[in-house]
C-alpha atoms as a PDB file:
ATOM      1  CA  MET A   1      27.922  -3.036  -8.682  1.00  0.00           C
ATOM      2  CA  ILE A   2      27.506  -5.950 -10.935  1.00  0.00           C
ATOM      3  CA  TRP A   3      27.214  -8.410  -8.160  1.00  0.00           C
ATOM      4  CA  TRP A   4      24.568  -6.260  -6.549  1.00  0.00           C
ATOM      5  CA  LEU A   5      22.511  -6.092  -9.875  1.00  0.00           C
ATOM      6  CA  THR A   6      22.818  -9.865 -10.245  1.00  0.00           C
ATOM      7  CA  SER A   7      21.905 -10.578  -6.621  1.00  0.00           C
ATOM      8  CA  ARG A   8      18.831  -8.276  -6.742  1.00  0.00           C
ATOM      9  CA  HIS A   9      17.622  -9.705 -10.112  1.00  0.00           C
ATOM     10  CA  ALA A  10      17.482  -6.165 -11.433  1.00  0.00           C
ATOM     11  CA  ALA A  11      17.414  -7.455 -15.012  1.00  0.00           C
ATOM     12  CA  LEU A  12      14.167  -9.335 -14.062  1.00  0.00           C
ATOM     13  CA  THR A  13      12.506  -6.939 -11.683  1.00  0.00           C
ATOM     14  CA  VAL A  14      12.439  -3.840 -14.034  1.00  0.00           C
ATOM     15  CA  PRO A  15      10.814  -5.731 -16.915  1.00  0.00           C
ATOM     16  CA  ALA A  16       8.542  -7.526 -14.415  1.00  0.00           C
ATOM     17  CA  THR A  17       7.263  -4.186 -13.093  1.00  0.00           C
ATOM     18  CA  LEU A  18       6.484  -2.997 -16.555  1.00  0.00           C
ATOM     19  CA  LEU A  19       4.733  -6.259 -17.381  1.00  0.00           C
ATOM     20  CA  THR A  20       2.790  -6.039 -14.119  1.00  0.00           C
ATOM     21  CA  ALA A  21       1.731  -2.424 -15.041  1.00  0.00           C
ATOM     22  CA  LEU A  22       0.503  -3.535 -18.433  1.00  0.00           C
ATOM     23  CA  LEU A  23      -1.286  -6.596 -17.043  1.00  0.00           C
ATOM     24  CA  GLY A  24      -2.802  -4.551 -14.278  1.00  0.00           C
ATOM     25  CA  ILE A  25      -4.147  -2.107 -16.948  1.00  0.00           C
ATOM     26  CA  ALA A  26      -5.401  -4.998 -19.178  1.00  0.00           C
ATOM     27  CA  LEU A  27      -7.093  -6.860 -16.441  1.00  0.00           C
ATOM     28  CA  GLY A  28      -7.593  -4.036 -13.918  1.00  0.00           C
ATOM     29  CA  ARG A  29     -11.364  -3.737 -14.255  1.00  0.00           C
ATOM     30  CA  THR A  30     -11.888  -7.380 -13.428  1.00  0.00           C
ATOM     31  CA  VAL A  31     -13.911  -7.449 -10.213  1.00  0.00           C
ATOM     32  CA  LEU A  32     -13.068  -9.981  -7.512  1.00  0.00           C
ATOM     33  CA  PRO A  33     -15.771 -10.916  -4.999  1.00  0.00           C
ATOM     34  CA  LEU A  34     -14.604 -10.274  -1.454  1.00  0.00           C
ATOM     35  CA  PRO A  35     -16.677 -10.093   1.753  1.00  0.00           C
ATOM     36  CA  THR A  36     -16.377  -6.945   3.899  1.00  0.00           C
ATOM     37  CA  LEU A  37     -16.483  -6.605   7.639  1.00  0.00           C
ATOM     38  CA  LEU A  38     -18.857  -3.562   7.697  1.00  0.00           C
ATOM     39  CA  GLY A  39     -21.816  -3.174   5.453  1.00  0.00           C
ATOM     40  CA  ARG A  40     -22.151  -3.818   1.816  1.00  0.00           C
ATOM     41  CA  GLY A  41     -19.017  -4.483  -0.062  1.00  0.00           C
ATOM     42  CA  GLY A  42     -17.840  -2.548  -3.069  1.00  0.00           C
ATOM     43  CA  ASP A  43     -15.827  -3.657  -6.032  1.00  0.00           C
ATOM     44  CA  PHE A  44     -12.348  -5.064  -5.320  1.00  0.00           C
ATOM     45  CA  LEU A  45     -10.546  -4.769  -8.619  1.00  0.00           C
ATOM     46  CA  LEU A  46      -7.867  -7.060  -9.773  1.00  0.00           C
ATOM     47  CA  SER A  47      -5.605  -4.074 -10.269  1.00  0.00           C
ATOM     48  CA  ALA A  48      -5.343  -3.891  -6.429  1.00  0.00           C
ATOM     49  CA  LEU A  49      -4.106  -7.455  -6.214  1.00  0.00           C
ATOM     50  CA  VAL A  50      -1.746  -7.929  -9.315  1.00  0.00           C
ATOM     51  CA  THR A  51       0.113  -4.785  -8.479  1.00  0.00           C
ATOM     52  CA  VAL A  52       1.777  -6.365  -5.464  1.00  0.00           C
ATOM     53  CA  LEU A  53       4.068  -8.407  -7.560  1.00  0.00           C
ATOM     54  CA  PRO A  54       6.906  -5.823  -8.038  1.00  0.00           C
ATOM     55  CA  ALA A  55       7.151  -5.398  -4.263  1.00  0.00           C
ATOM     56  CA  VAL A  56       7.384  -9.006  -3.597  1.00  0.00           C
ATOM     57  CA  LEU A  57      10.074  -9.474  -6.330  1.00  0.00           C
ATOM     58  CA  TRP A  58      12.011  -6.547  -4.786  1.00  0.00           C
ATOM     59  CA  LEU A  59      11.714  -8.141  -1.305  1.00  0.00           C
ATOM     60  CA  ASN A  60      12.890 -11.515  -2.821  1.00  0.00           C
ATOM     61  CA  GLY A  61      15.947  -9.806  -4.254  1.00  0.00           C
ATOM     62  CA  THR A  62      16.808  -7.989  -1.216  1.00  0.00           C
ATOM     63  CA  GLY A  63      16.320 -10.975   1.059  1.00  0.00           C
ATOM     64  CA  ARG A  64      18.567 -13.359  -0.559  1.00  0.00           C
ATOM     65  CA  THR A  65      21.379 -12.661   1.793  1.00  0.00           C
ATOM     66  CA  ALA A  66      21.638 -12.393   5.585  1.00  0.00           C
ATOM     67  CA  PRO A  67      21.116  -8.900   6.857  1.00  0.00           C
ATOM     68  CA  GLU A  68      24.177  -9.246   9.074  1.00  0.00           C
ATOM     69  CA  THR A  69      26.359  -9.878   6.040  1.00  0.00           C
ATOM     70  CA  GLU A  70      25.211  -6.800   4.229  1.00  0.00           C
ATOM     71  CA  ALA A  71      25.388  -4.768   7.362  1.00  0.00           C
ATOM     72  CA  THR A  72      29.220  -5.291   7.302  1.00  0.00           C
ATOM     73  CA  ALA A  73      29.595  -4.287   3.699  1.00  0.00           C
ATOM     74  CA  LEU A  74      31.513  -1.201   2.826  1.00  0.00           C
ATOM     75  CA  ARG A  75      29.252  -0.280  -0.012  1.00  0.00           C
ATOM     76  CA  PRO A  76      25.816   1.358   0.844  1.00  0.00           C
ATOM     77  CA  VAL A  77      23.771  -1.720  -0.288  1.00  0.00           C
ATOM     78  CA  HIS A  78      20.683  -0.538   1.676  1.00  0.00           C
ATOM     79  CA  ARG A  79      20.773   2.755  -0.280  1.00  0.00           C
ATOM     80  CA  TRP A  80      21.040   0.814  -3.595  1.00  0.00           C
ATOM     81  CA  ASP A  81      18.132  -1.321  -2.542  1.00  0.00           C
ATOM     82  CA  THR A  82      16.076   1.826  -1.692  1.00  0.00           C
ATOM     83  CA  ALA A  83      17.003   3.404  -4.967  1.00  0.00           C
ATOM     84  CA  LEU A  84      15.993   0.308  -6.972  1.00  0.00           C
ATOM     85  CA  ALA A  85      12.624   0.413  -5.269  1.00  0.00           C
ATOM     86  CA  ALA A  86      12.213   4.195  -6.189  1.00  0.00           C
ATOM     87  CA  LEU A  87      13.285   3.329  -9.624  1.00  0.00           C
ATOM     88  CA  LEU A  88      10.675   0.613  -9.959  1.00  0.00           C
ATOM     89  CA  ALA A  89       8.071   2.987  -8.608  1.00  0.00           C
ATOM     90  CA  ALA A  90       9.007   5.737 -11.003  1.00  0.00           C
ATOM     91  CA  THR A  91       9.046   3.269 -13.938  1.00  0.00           C
ATOM     92  CA  ALA A  92       5.519   2.094 -12.992  1.00  0.00           C
ATOM     93  CA  LEU A  93       4.240   5.616 -12.654  1.00  0.00           C
ATOM     94  CA  ALA A  94       5.710   6.712 -15.974  1.00  0.00           C
ATOM     95  CA  ALA A  95       4.487   3.654 -17.880  1.00  0.00           C
ATOM     96  CA  THR A  96       0.915   4.049 -16.450  1.00  0.00           C
ATOM     97  CA  GLY A  97       0.955   7.750 -16.913  1.00  0.00           C
ATOM     98  CA  ILE A  98       1.701   7.315 -20.599  1.00  0.00           C
ATOM     99  CA  ALA A  99      -0.995   4.619 -20.848  1.00  0.00           C
ATOM    100  CA  HIS A 100      -3.511   6.997 -19.176  1.00  0.00           C
ATOM    101  CA  VAL A 101      -2.748   9.715 -21.663  1.00  0.00           C
ATOM    102  CA  LEU A 102      -3.016   7.328 -24.584  1.00  0.00           C
ATOM    103  CA  ALA A 103      -6.141   5.405 -23.415  1.00  0.00           C
ATOM    104  CA  THR A 104      -7.810   8.108 -21.116  1.00  0.00           C
ATOM    105  CA  ASP A 105      -8.554   5.294 -18.681  1.00  0.00           C
ATOM    106  CA  ASP A 106      -8.196   6.034 -14.881  1.00  0.00           C
ATOM    107  CA  ILE A 107      -7.330   2.312 -14.131  1.00  0.00           C
ATOM    108  CA  ALA A 108      -3.826   3.005 -15.451  1.00  0.00           C
ATOM    109  CA  LEU A 109      -3.376   5.751 -12.801  1.00  0.00           C
ATOM    110  CA  ALA A 110      -4.675   3.308 -10.057  1.00  0.00           C
ATOM    111  CA  VAL A 111      -2.195   0.605 -11.278  1.00  0.00           C
ATOM    112  CA  GLY A 112       0.863   3.036 -11.160  1.00  0.00           C
ATOM    113  CA  ARG A 113      -0.268   4.322  -7.672  1.00  0.00           C
ATOM    114  CA  ASN A 114      -0.804   0.844  -6.217  1.00  0.00           C
ATOM    115  CA  ILE A 115       2.579  -0.434  -7.432  1.00  0.00           C
ATOM    116  CA  THR A 116       4.162   2.563  -5.772  1.00  0.00           C
ATOM    117  CA  PHE A 117       2.153   2.080  -2.580  1.00  0.00           C
ATOM    118  CA  TYR A 118       3.217  -1.637  -2.334  1.00  0.00           C
ATOM    119  CA  LEU A 119       6.851  -0.764  -2.971  1.00  0.00           C
ATOM    120  CA  ALA A 120       6.788   1.811  -0.226  1.00  0.00           C
ATOM    121  CA  VAL A 121       5.237  -0.473   2.195  1.00  0.00           C
ATOM    122  CA  ALA A 122       7.803  -3.196   1.231  1.00  0.00           C
ATOM    123  CA  VAL A 123      10.730  -0.752   1.879  1.00  0.00           C
ATOM    124  CA  LEU A 124       9.382   0.164   5.186  1.00  0.00           C
ATOM    125  CA  LEU A 125       8.508  -3.377   6.303  1.00  0.00           C
ATOM    126  CA  GLY A 126      11.956  -4.561   4.963  1.00  0.00           C
ATOM    127  CA  VAL A 127      13.567  -2.140   7.368  1.00  0.00           C
ATOM    128  CA  CYS A 128      11.385  -2.962  10.344  1.00  0.00           C
ATOM    129  CA  VAL A 129      10.978  -6.807  10.079  1.00  0.00           C
ATOM    130  CA  GLY A 130      13.424  -7.776   7.334  1.00  0.00           C
ATOM    131  CA  PRO A 131      12.705  -8.691   3.711  1.00  0.00           C
ATOM    132  CA  ARG A 132      11.955 -12.414   4.424  1.00  0.00           C
ATOM    133  CA  ILE A 133       9.127 -11.692   6.884  1.00  0.00           C
ATOM    134  CA  ALA A 134       7.993  -8.570   4.888  1.00  0.00           C
ATOM    135  CA  GLY A 135       7.220 -10.559   1.736  1.00  0.00           C
ATOM    136  CA  PRO A 136       4.230 -12.455   3.266  1.00  0.00           C
ATOM    137  CA  LEU A 137       3.051  -9.317   5.069  1.00  0.00           C
ATOM    138  CA  VAL A 138       3.019  -7.245   1.870  1.00  0.00           C
ATOM    139  CA  THR A 139       1.203 -10.033   0.061  1.00  0.00           C
ATOM    140  CA  GLY A 140      -1.591 -10.088   2.622  1.00  0.00           C
ATOM    141  CA  ILE A 141      -2.185  -6.297   2.459  1.00  0.00           C
ATOM    142  CA  PRO A 142      -4.585  -6.343  -0.424  1.00  0.00           C
ATOM    143  CA  PHE A 143      -6.724  -9.071   1.212  1.00  0.00           C
ATOM    144  CA  VAL A 144      -6.892  -7.151   4.493  1.00  0.00           C
ATOM    145  CA  VAL A 145      -7.622  -3.863   2.774  1.00  0.00           C
ATOM    146  CA  GLY A 146     -10.202  -5.532   0.555  1.00  0.00           C
ATOM    147  CA  VAL A 147     -12.103  -6.994   3.429  1.00  0.00           C
ATOM    148  CA  ALA A 148     -11.687  -4.117   6.074  1.00  0.00           C
ATOM    149  CA  GLY A 149     -11.266  -1.138   3.802  1.00  0.00           C
ATOM    150  CA  ARG A 150     -14.700  -0.160   2.939  1.00  0.00           C
ATOM    151  CA  ARG A 151     -17.461   1.819   4.673  1.00  0.00           C
ATOM    152  CA  GLY A 152     -20.495   0.721   2.696  1.00  0.00           C
ATOM    153  CA  PRO A 153     -19.751   1.143  -1.064  1.00  0.00           C
ATOM    154  CA  PHE A 154     -17.111   3.723  -0.357  1.00  0.00           C
ATOM    155  CA  PRO A 155     -13.434   3.066   0.583  1.00  0.00           C
ATOM    156  CA  GLU A 156     -12.061   4.244   3.785  1.00  0.00           C
ATOM    157  CA  PRO A 157      -9.482   7.090   3.507  1.00  0.00           C
ATOM    158  CA  TRP A 158      -6.702   4.903   4.620  1.00  0.00           C
ATOM    159  CA  ALA A 159      -7.505   2.157   2.008  1.00  0.00           C
ATOM    160  CA  VAL A 160      -5.376   3.826  -0.618  1.00  0.00           C
ATOM    161  CA  ILE A 161      -5.419   0.826  -3.082  1.00  0.00           C
ATOM    162  CA  LEU A 162      -9.366   0.912  -3.247  1.00  0.00           C
ATOM    163  CA  HIS A 163      -9.722   4.461  -4.355  1.00  0.00           C
ATOM    164  CA  HIS A 164     -10.338   5.195  -8.042  1.00  0.00           C
ATOM    165  CA  GLY A 165      -7.433   6.248 -10.241  1.00  0.00           C
ATOM    166  CA  GLN A 166      -7.998   9.953 -10.235  1.00  0.00           C
ATOM    167  CA  SER A 167      -8.191  10.328  -6.480  1.00  0.00           C
ATOM    168  CA  GLY A 168      -5.682  13.069  -5.790  1.00  0.00           C
ATOM    169  CA  ARG A 169      -5.601  12.331  -2.027  1.00  0.00           C
ATOM    170  CA  ALA A 170      -4.775   8.636  -2.557  1.00  0.00           C
ATOM    171  CA  PHE A 171      -2.033   9.617  -5.041  1.00  0.00           C
ATOM    172  CA  ALA A 172      -0.664  12.221  -2.641  1.00  0.00           C
ATOM    173  CA  ALA A 173      -0.713   9.789   0.246  1.00  0.00           C
ATOM    174  CA  THR A 174       1.194   7.291  -1.754  1.00  0.00           C
ATOM    175  CA  LEU A 175       3.873   9.734  -2.836  1.00  0.00           C
ATOM    176  CA  ALA A 176       4.278  10.816   0.776  1.00  0.00           C
ATOM    177  CA  LEU A 177       4.557   7.199   1.847  1.00  0.00           C
ATOM    178  CA  MET A 178       7.226   6.649  -0.842  1.00  0.00           C
ATOM    179  CA  ALA A 179       9.108   9.572   0.284  1.00  0.00           C
ATOM    180  CA  VAL A 180       9.116   8.449   3.885  1.00  0.00           C
ATOM    181  CA  ALA A 181      10.098   4.926   2.727  1.00  0.00           C
ATOM    182  CA  CYS A 182      13.086   6.331   0.791  1.00  0.00           C
ATOM    183  CA  LEU A 183      14.265   8.331   3.668  1.00  0.00           C
ATOM    184  CA  VAL A 184      14.006   5.499   6.093  1.00  0.00           C
ATOM    185  CA  GLY A 185      15.366   2.905   3.745  1.00  0.00           C
ATOM    186  CA  ALA A 186      18.322   5.012   2.839  1.00  0.00           C
ATOM    187  CA  GLY A 187      19.140   6.032   6.470  1.00  0.00           C
ATOM    188  CA  VAL A 188      18.745   2.658   8.182  1.00  0.00           C
ATOM    189  CA  ARG A 189      20.950  -0.471   7.658  1.00  0.00           C
ATOM    190  CA  ALA A 190      19.625  -3.865   7.951  1.00  0.00           C
ATOM    191  CA  GLY A 191      18.922  -4.617  11.577  1.00  0.00           C
ATOM    192  CA  GLY A 192      17.618  -1.142  12.271  1.00  0.00           C
ATOM    193  CA  ARG A 193      20.944   0.628  13.006  1.00  0.00           C
ATOM    194  CA  ARG A 194      21.240   4.206  11.965  1.00  0.00           C
ATOM    195  CA  LEU A 195      23.868   5.343   9.783  1.00  0.00           C
END
């Protein structure tokens, strides 16, 4: 277990997730100018971009060894990796939930939701294409969603990271995506083999 925690940089990833949540709350209302494909663009908040960092760190930790090596391990490494992603998401949601209660600012809810969304996508892409390829793909998501995720001033229903913090639909979709990611991540080894 100690080798797994060391190889996954768990001692760095958990505090980095908390710091990302705090940074996202502090700088989250900063607006970034991005063009849109259809119509007038809306606000693209920095909180939609900064929150990708925990997912990239998680992918970096899980992609440090060859998938073939870990597929032969007796320990369920892929389940531990999925549990770490779920723990990071829970940590972000708890920290941002407390910040929302203390500051009554909905940006905190958006930051926690976005961190969870990116972690869920990272788990799914990690299973499908491997962690090394998933890292750049996850990093590109905020830019693609920022450019193509608006219909006029309103975000598209699928553009979860662009919705305001109190959007119940976006939060429910994110939790459902994380649940699916945990089921897939815990049930599939590296290389796509079922357990």
